[in-house]
């Protein structure tokens, strides 16, 4: 995980009204991995992060994370 950062993938999906299943279909990433990313319960694969950023139209990987409180 990125130190002192929280993954906000679930928030990004809600903003686009996408499901984890739709993201899985669009990226080819297994839904089980996307689910773990949404709950920040796994290590992140850089290739998957690049794919997610591209499909969601974000500028950079850091747009998937925010500082932890």
PDB file of N, CA and C in Angstrom:
ATOM      1  N   UNK A   1       0.842  -1.180   0.000  1.00  0.00           N
ATOM      2  CA  UNK A   1       0.000   0.000   0.000  1.00  0.00           C
ATOM      3  C   UNK A   1       0.885   1.240   0.000  1.00  0.00           C
ATOM      4  N   UNK A   2       0.381   2.303  -0.531  1.00  0.00           N
ATOM      5  CA  UNK A   2       1.106   3.568  -0.524  1.00  0.00           C
ATOM      6  C   UNK A   2       1.083   4.100   0.909  1.00  0.00           C
ATOM      7  N   UNK A   3       2.262   4.389   1.480  1.00  0.00           N
ATOM      8  CA  UNK A   3       2.317   4.814   2.884  1.00  0.00           C
ATOM      9  C   UNK A   3       1.420   6.020   3.174  1.00  0.00           C
ATOM     10  N   UNK A   4       0.696   5.945   4.282  1.00  0.00           N
ATOM     11  CA  UNK A   4      -0.160   7.026   4.764  1.00  0.00           C
ATOM     12  C   UNK A   4      -1.239   7.440   3.777  1.00  0.00           C
ATOM     13  N   UNK A   5      -1.619   6.543   2.878  1.00  0.00           N
ATOM     14  CA  UNK A   5      -2.657   6.833   1.902  1.00  0.00           C
ATOM     15  C   UNK A   5      -3.746   5.782   1.994  1.00  0.00           C
ATOM     16  N   UNK A   6      -4.958   6.192   1.709  1.00  0.00           N
ATOM     17  CA  UNK A   6      -6.107   5.292   1.701  1.00  0.00           C
ATOM     18  C   UNK A   6      -6.637   5.222   0.274  1.00  0.00           C
ATOM     19  N   UNK A   7      -6.907   4.023  -0.204  1.00  0.00           N
ATOM     20  CA  UNK A   7      -7.452   3.853  -1.542  1.00  0.00           C
ATOM     21  C   UNK A   7      -8.903   4.331  -1.557  1.00  0.00           C
ATOM     22  N   UNK A   8      -9.236   5.156  -2.528  1.00  0.00           N
ATOM     23  CA  UNK A   8     -10.601   5.688  -2.642  1.00  0.00           C
ATOM     24  C   UNK A   8     -11.256   5.222  -3.944  1.00  0.00           C
ATOM     25  N   UNK A   9     -10.896   4.010  -4.370  1.00  0.00           N
ATOM     26  CA  UNK A   9     -11.467   3.463  -5.591  1.00  0.00           C
ATOM     27  C   UNK A   9     -12.988   3.363  -5.495  1.00  0.00           C
ATOM     28  N   UNK A  10     -13.508   2.928  -4.357  1.00  0.00           N
ATOM     29  CA  UNK A  10     -14.967   2.812  -4.231  1.00  0.00           C
ATOM     30  C   UNK A  10     -15.640   4.167  -4.425  1.00  0.00           C
ATOM     31  N   UNK A  11     -15.028   5.228  -3.935  1.00  0.00           N
ATOM     32  CA  UNK A  11     -15.555   6.582  -4.122  1.00  0.00           C
ATOM     33  C   UNK A  11     -15.531   6.964  -5.606  1.00  0.00           C
ATOM     34  N   UNK A  12     -14.444   6.656  -6.279  1.00  0.00           N
ATOM     35  CA  UNK A  12     -14.331   6.957  -7.716  1.00  0.00           C
ATOM     36  C   UNK A  12     -15.395   6.212  -8.516  1.00  0.00           C
ATOM     37  N   UNK A  13     -15.673   4.963  -8.138  1.00  0.00           N
ATOM     38  CA  UNK A  13     -16.708   4.192  -8.823  1.00  0.00           C
ATOM     39  C   UNK A  13     -18.090   4.809  -8.596  1.00  0.00           C
ATOM     40  N   UNK A  14     -18.379   5.225  -7.375  1.00  0.00           N
ATOM     41  CA  UNK A  14     -19.662   5.860  -7.072  1.00  0.00           C
ATOM     42  C   UNK A  14     -19.839   7.147  -7.868  1.00  0.00           C
ATOM     43  N   UNK A  15     -18.769   7.919  -8.001  1.00  0.00           N
ATOM     44  CA  UNK A  15     -18.835   9.173  -8.760  1.00  0.00           C
ATOM     45  C   UNK A  15     -19.245   8.919 -10.215  1.00  0.00           C
ATOM     46  N   UNK A  16     -18.856   7.797 -10.754  1.00  0.00           N
ATOM     47  CA  UNK A  16     -19.162   7.461 -12.142  1.00  0.00           C
ATOM     48  C   UNK A  16     -20.376   6.548 -12.276  1.00  0.00           C
ATOM     49  N   UNK A  17     -20.945   6.191 -11.127  1.00  0.00           N
ATOM     50  CA  UNK A  17     -22.079   5.254 -11.072  1.00  0.00           C
ATOM     51  C   UNK A  17     -21.709   3.927 -11.741  1.00  0.00           C
ATOM     52  N   UNK A  18     -20.513   3.470 -11.441  1.00  0.00           N
ATOM     53  CA  UNK A  18     -20.013   2.192 -11.933  1.00  0.00           C
ATOM     54  C   UNK A  18     -20.022   1.179 -10.799  1.00  0.00           C
ATOM     55  N   UNK A  19     -20.177  -0.082 -11.146  1.00  0.00           N
ATOM     56  CA  UNK A  19     -20.050  -1.164 -10.184  1.00  0.00           C
ATOM     57  C   UNK A  19     -18.645  -1.750 -10.283  1.00  0.00           C
ATOM     58  N   UNK A  20     -18.285  -2.527  -9.300  1.00  0.00           N
ATOM     59  CA  UNK A  20     -17.010  -3.236  -9.359  1.00  0.00           C
ATOM     60  C   UNK A  20     -17.005  -4.176 -10.561  1.00  0.00           C
ATOM     61  N   UNK A  21     -18.154  -4.765 -10.851  1.00  0.00           N
ATOM     62  CA  UNK A  21     -18.274  -5.676 -11.978  1.00  0.00           C
ATOM     63  C   UNK A  21     -17.998  -4.955 -13.305  1.00  0.00           C
ATOM     64  N   UNK A  22     -18.528  -3.751 -13.467  1.00  0.00           N
ATOM     65  CA  UNK A  22     -18.290  -2.983 -14.694  1.00  0.00           C
ATOM     66  C   UNK A  22     -16.810  -2.658 -14.841  1.00  0.00           C
ATOM     67  N   UNK A  23     -16.175  -2.235 -13.744  1.00  0.00           N
ATOM     68  CA  UNK A  23     -14.744  -1.941 -13.799  1.00  0.00           C
ATOM     69  C   UNK A  23     -13.955  -3.194 -14.165  1.00  0.00           C
ATOM     70  N   UNK A  24     -14.355  -4.323 -13.613  1.00  0.00           N
ATOM     71  CA  UNK A  24     -13.705  -5.585 -13.936  1.00  0.00           C
ATOM     72  C   UNK A  24     -13.829  -5.894 -15.422  1.00  0.00           C
ATOM     73  N   UNK A  25     -15.006  -5.703 -15.974  1.00  0.00           N
ATOM     74  CA  UNK A  25     -15.220  -5.954 -17.403  1.00  0.00           C
ATOM     75  C   UNK A  25     -14.380  -5.013 -18.267  1.00  0.00           C
ATOM     76  N   UNK A  26     -14.295  -3.751 -17.873  1.00  0.00           N
ATOM     77  CA  UNK A  26     -13.586  -2.752 -18.659  1.00  0.00           C
ATOM     78  C   UNK A  26     -12.065  -2.899 -18.594  1.00  0.00           C
ATOM     79  N   UNK A  27     -11.564  -3.421 -17.482  1.00  0.00           N
ATOM     80  CA  UNK A  27     -10.118  -3.512 -17.291  1.00  0.00           C
ATOM     81  C   UNK A  27      -9.563  -4.925 -17.441  1.00  0.00           C
ATOM     82  N   UNK A  28     -10.409  -5.926 -17.286  1.00  0.00           N
ATOM     83  CA  UNK A  28      -9.934  -7.306 -17.286  1.00  0.00           C
ATOM     84  C   UNK A  28      -9.355  -7.732 -15.949  1.00  0.00           C
ATOM     85  N   UNK A  29      -9.468  -6.880 -14.953  1.00  0.00           N
ATOM     86  CA  UNK A  29      -8.986  -7.192 -13.604  1.00  0.00           C
ATOM     87  C   UNK A  29     -10.065  -8.001 -12.890  1.00  0.00           C
ATOM     88  N   UNK A  30      -9.703  -9.104 -12.258  1.00  0.00           N
ATOM     89  CA  UNK A  30     -10.720  -9.893 -11.550  1.00  0.00           C
ATOM     90  C   UNK A  30     -11.477  -9.044 -10.524  1.00  0.00           C
ATOM     91  N   UNK A  31     -12.786  -9.276 -10.444  1.00  0.00           N
ATOM     92  CA  UNK A  31     -13.610  -8.503  -9.516  1.00  0.00           C
ATOM     93  C   UNK A  31     -13.162  -8.697  -8.076  1.00  0.00           C
ATOM     94  N   UNK A  32     -12.645  -9.862  -7.749  1.00  0.00           N
ATOM     95  CA  UNK A  32     -12.180 -10.105  -6.378  1.00  0.00           C
ATOM     96  C   UNK A  32     -11.026  -9.167  -6.020  1.00  0.00           C
ATOM     97  N   UNK A  33     -10.156  -8.870  -6.980  1.00  0.00           N
ATOM     98  CA  UNK A  33      -9.053  -7.933  -6.744  1.00  0.00           C
ATOM     99  C   UNK A  33      -9.601  -6.520  -6.570  1.00  0.00           C
ATOM    100  N   UNK A  34     -10.529  -6.134  -7.425  1.00  0.00           N
ATOM    101  CA  UNK A  34     -11.125  -4.797  -7.332  1.00  0.00           C
ATOM    102  C   UNK A  34     -11.809  -4.629  -5.980  1.00  0.00           C
ATOM    103  N   UNK A  35     -12.496  -5.655  -5.516  1.00  0.00           N
ATOM    104  CA  UNK A  35     -13.144  -5.608  -4.210  1.00  0.00           C
ATOM    105  C   UNK A  35     -12.126  -5.364  -3.102  1.00  0.00           C
ATOM    106  N   UNK A  36     -10.989  -6.047  -3.180  1.00  0.00           N
ATOM    107  CA  UNK A  36      -9.940  -5.854  -2.169  1.00  0.00           C
ATOM    108  C   UNK A  36      -9.337  -4.456  -2.253  1.00  0.00           C
ATOM    109  N   UNK A  37      -9.219  -3.916  -3.465  1.00  0.00           N
ATOM    110  CA  UNK A  37      -8.720  -2.552  -3.614  1.00  0.00           C
ATOM    111  C   UNK A  37      -9.692  -1.559  -2.984  1.00  0.00           C
ATOM    112  N   UNK A  38     -10.985  -1.810  -3.160  1.00  0.00           N
ATOM    113  CA  UNK A  38     -12.001  -0.908  -2.610  1.00  0.00           C
ATOM    114  C   UNK A  38     -11.980  -0.881  -1.089  1.00  0.00           C
ATOM    115  N   UNK A  39     -11.509  -1.951  -0.485  1.00  0.00           N
ATOM    116  CA  UNK A  39     -11.438  -2.002   0.977  1.00  0.00           C
ATOM    117  C   UNK A  39     -10.002  -1.869   1.487  1.00  0.00           C
ATOM    118  N   UNK A  40      -9.078  -1.618   0.569  1.00  0.00           N
ATOM    119  CA  UNK A  40      -7.657  -1.455   0.906  1.00  0.00           C
ATOM    120  C   UNK A  40      -7.110  -2.629   1.703  1.00  0.00           C
ATOM    121  N   UNK A  41      -7.520  -3.851   1.333  1.00  0.00           N
ATOM    122  CA  UNK A  41      -7.081  -5.025   2.089  1.00  0.00           C
ATOM    123  C   UNK A  41      -6.080  -5.879   1.312  1.00  0.00           C
ATOM    124  N   UNK A  42      -5.385  -5.292   0.383  1.00  0.00           N
ATOM    125  CA  UNK A  42      -4.416  -6.045  -0.403  1.00  0.00           C
ATOM    126  C   UNK A  42      -3.285  -5.135  -0.851  1.00  0.00           C
ATOM    127  N   UNK A  43      -2.210  -5.728  -1.283  1.00  0.00           N
ATOM    128  CA  UNK A  43      -1.150  -4.954  -1.925  1.00  0.00           C
ATOM    129  C   UNK A  43      -1.608  -4.636  -3.341  1.00  0.00           C
ATOM    130  N   UNK A  44      -1.143  -3.550  -3.860  1.00  0.00           N
ATOM    131  CA  UNK A  44      -1.605  -3.085  -5.161  1.00  0.00           C
ATOM    132  C   UNK A  44      -0.619  -3.468  -6.256  1.00  0.00           C
ATOM    133  N   UNK A  45      -1.154  -3.934  -7.374  1.00  0.00           N
ATOM    134  CA  UNK A  45      -0.373  -4.270  -8.554  1.00  0.00           C
ATOM    135  C   UNK A  45      -0.307  -3.015  -9.422  1.00  0.00           C
ATOM    136  N   UNK A  46       0.891  -2.545  -9.717  1.00  0.00           N
ATOM    137  CA  UNK A  46       1.057  -1.292 -10.451  1.00  0.00           C
ATOM    138  C   UNK A  46       0.398  -1.353 -11.829  1.00  0.00           C
ATOM    139  N   UNK A  47       0.453  -2.496 -12.488  1.00  0.00           N
ATOM    140  CA  UNK A  47      -0.181  -2.623 -13.804  1.00  0.00           C
ATOM    141  C   UNK A  47      -1.698  -2.485 -13.702  1.00  0.00           C
ATOM    142  N   UNK A  48      -2.277  -3.055 -12.650  1.00  0.00           N
ATOM    143  CA  UNK A  48      -3.717  -2.915 -12.439  1.00  0.00           C
ATOM    144  C   UNK A  48      -4.072  -1.459 -12.150  1.00  0.00           C
ATOM    145  N   UNK A  49      -3.250  -0.795 -11.352  1.00  0.00           N
ATOM    146  CA  UNK A  49      -3.529   0.612 -11.041  1.00  0.00           C
ATOM    147  C   UNK A  49      -3.492   1.469 -12.302  1.00  0.00           C
ATOM    148  N   UNK A  50      -2.516   1.237 -13.166  1.00  0.00           N
ATOM    149  CA  UNK A  50      -2.462   1.984 -14.434  1.00  0.00           C
ATOM    150  C   UNK A  50      -3.715   1.730 -15.267  1.00  0.00           C
ATOM    151  N   UNK A  51      -4.162   0.486 -15.324  1.00  0.00           N
ATOM    152  CA  UNK A  51      -5.359   0.145 -16.099  1.00  0.00           C
ATOM    153  C   UNK A  51      -6.594   0.847 -15.532  1.00  0.00           C
ATOM    154  N   UNK A  52      -6.725   0.865 -14.219  1.00  0.00           N
ATOM    155  CA  UNK A  52      -7.868   1.511 -13.576  1.00  0.00           C
ATOM    156  C   UNK A  52      -7.853   3.012 -13.855  1.00  0.00           C
ATOM    157  N   UNK A  53      -6.695   3.629 -13.712  1.00  0.00           N
ATOM    158  CA  UNK A  53      -6.560   5.067 -13.966  1.00  0.00           C
ATOM    159  C   UNK A  53      -6.972   5.388 -15.405  1.00  0.00           C
ATOM    160  N   UNK A  54      -6.512   4.587 -16.335  1.00  0.00           N
ATOM    161  CA  UNK A  54      -6.830   4.829 -17.747  1.00  0.00           C
ATOM    162  C   UNK A  54      -8.328   4.701 -18.015  1.00  0.00           C
ATOM    163  N   UNK A  55      -8.934   3.620 -17.548  1.00  0.00           N
ATOM    164  CA  UNK A  55     -10.349   3.367 -17.809  1.00  0.00           C
ATOM    165  C   UNK A  55     -11.240   4.410 -17.140  1.00  0.00           C
ATOM    166  N   UNK A  56     -10.860   4.852 -15.938  1.00  0.00           N
ATOM    167  CA  UNK A  56     -11.664   5.845 -15.230  1.00  0.00           C
ATOM    168  C   UNK A  56     -11.368   7.277 -15.696  1.00  0.00           C
ATOM    169  N   UNK A  57     -10.379   7.445 -16.546  1.00  0.00           N
ATOM    170  CA  UNK A  57     -10.054   8.768 -17.055  1.00  0.00           C
ATOM    171  C   UNK A  57      -9.407   9.688 -16.035  1.00  0.00           C
ATOM    172  N   UNK A  58      -8.673   9.092 -15.104  1.00  0.00           N
ATOM    173  CA  UNK A  58      -7.973   9.881 -14.103  1.00  0.00           C
ATOM    174  C   UNK A  58      -6.618  10.300 -14.659  1.00  0.00           C
ATOM    175  N   UNK A  59      -6.000  11.287 -14.028  1.00  0.00           N
ATOM    176  CA  UNK A  59      -4.726  11.787 -14.524  1.00  0.00           C
ATOM    177  C   UNK A  59      -3.541  10.955 -14.048  1.00  0.00           C
ATOM    178  N   UNK A  60      -3.616  10.483 -12.801  1.00  0.00           N
ATOM    179  CA  UNK A  60      -2.471   9.765 -12.240  1.00  0.00           C
ATOM    180  C   UNK A  60      -2.934   8.779 -11.168  1.00  0.00           C
ATOM    181  N   UNK A  61      -2.067   7.847 -10.835  1.00  0.00           N
ATOM    182  CA  UNK A  61      -2.392   6.832  -9.827  1.00  0.00           C
ATOM    183  C   UNK A  61      -2.747   7.480  -8.498  1.00  0.00           C
ATOM    184  N   UNK A  62      -2.080   8.558  -8.164  1.00  0.00           N
ATOM    185  CA  UNK A  62      -2.341   9.233  -6.890  1.00  0.00           C
ATOM    186  C   UNK A  62      -3.801   9.670  -6.762  1.00  0.00           C
ATOM    187  N   UNK A  63      -4.512   9.810  -7.889  1.00  0.00           N
ATOM    188  CA  UNK A  63      -5.933  10.178  -7.849  1.00  0.00           C
ATOM    189  C   UNK A  63      -6.810   9.070  -7.275  1.00  0.00           C
ATOM    190  N   UNK A  64      -6.231   7.908  -7.057  1.00  0.00           N
ATOM    191  CA  UNK A  64      -6.961   6.799  -6.426  1.00  0.00           C
ATOM    192  C   UNK A  64      -6.746   6.732  -4.919  1.00  0.00           C
ATOM    193  N   UNK A  65      -5.970   7.669  -4.399  1.00  0.00           N
ATOM    194  CA  UNK A  65      -5.611   7.635  -2.987  1.00  0.00           C
ATOM    195  C   UNK A  65      -5.797   9.006  -2.346  1.00  0.00           C
ATOM    196  N   UNK A  66      -6.026   8.988  -1.032  1.00  0.00           N
ATOM    197  CA  UNK A  66      -6.079  10.215  -0.266  1.00  0.00           C
ATOM    198  C   UNK A  66      -5.343  10.003   1.051  1.00  0.00           C
ATOM    199  N   UNK A  67      -4.938  11.089   1.669  1.00  0.00           N
ATOM    200  CA  UNK A  67      -4.259  10.995   2.962  1.00  0.00           C
ATOM    201  C   UNK A  67      -5.185  10.384   3.994  1.00  0.00           C
ATOM    202  N   UNK A  68      -4.619   9.547   4.850  1.00  0.00           N
ATOM    203  CA  UNK A  68      -5.410   8.971   5.942  1.00  0.00           C
ATOM    204  C   UNK A  68      -5.507   9.976   7.055  1.00  0.00           C
ATOM    205  N   UNK A  69      -6.645   9.940   7.734  1.00  0.00           N
ATOM    206  CA  UNK A  69      -6.847  10.861   8.880  1.00  0.00           C
ATOM    207  C   UNK A  69      -6.088  10.405  10.089  1.00  0.00           C
TER     208      UNK A  69
END
